[in-house]
Amino acid sequence: VLFGALYIVNLGLVFLIYVKTDV
C-alpha cells in the first residue's frame, strides 16, 4: 500500500513537471 502511494506521488510529480515544461 505504501509503495503504491509513493508510485502515485511520483507519477503526479512527473505529470506536474511535464505540464510545466509544456507551458
Protein backbone atom coordinates (compact mmCIF):
# COMPACT_ATOMS: atom_id res chain seq x y z
CA VAL A 1 0.00 0.00 0.00
CA LEU A 2 2.78 2.40 0.94
CA PHE A 3 4.66 1.58 -2.26
CA GLY A 4 1.51 2.21 -4.27
CA ALA A 5 1.03 5.62 -2.67
CA LEU A 6 4.66 6.50 -3.38
CA TYR A 7 4.17 5.47 -7.00
CA ILE A 8 1.11 7.71 -7.26
CA VAL A 9 3.02 10.66 -5.81
CA ASN A 10 5.93 10.06 -8.19
CA LEU A 11 3.54 9.89 -11.14
CA GLY A 12 1.94 13.15 -10.02
CA LEU A 13 5.33 14.84 -9.83
CA VAL A 14 6.25 13.68 -13.32
CA PHE A 15 2.91 14.93 -14.63
CA LEU A 16 3.40 18.31 -12.94
CA ILE A 17 6.90 18.68 -14.42
CA TYR A 18 5.57 17.66 -17.84
CA VAL A 19 2.85 20.30 -17.68
CA LYS A 20 5.33 22.95 -16.55
CA THR A 21 7.71 22.08 -19.38
CA ASP A 22 4.83 22.04 -21.87
CA VAL A 23 3.90 25.59 -20.89
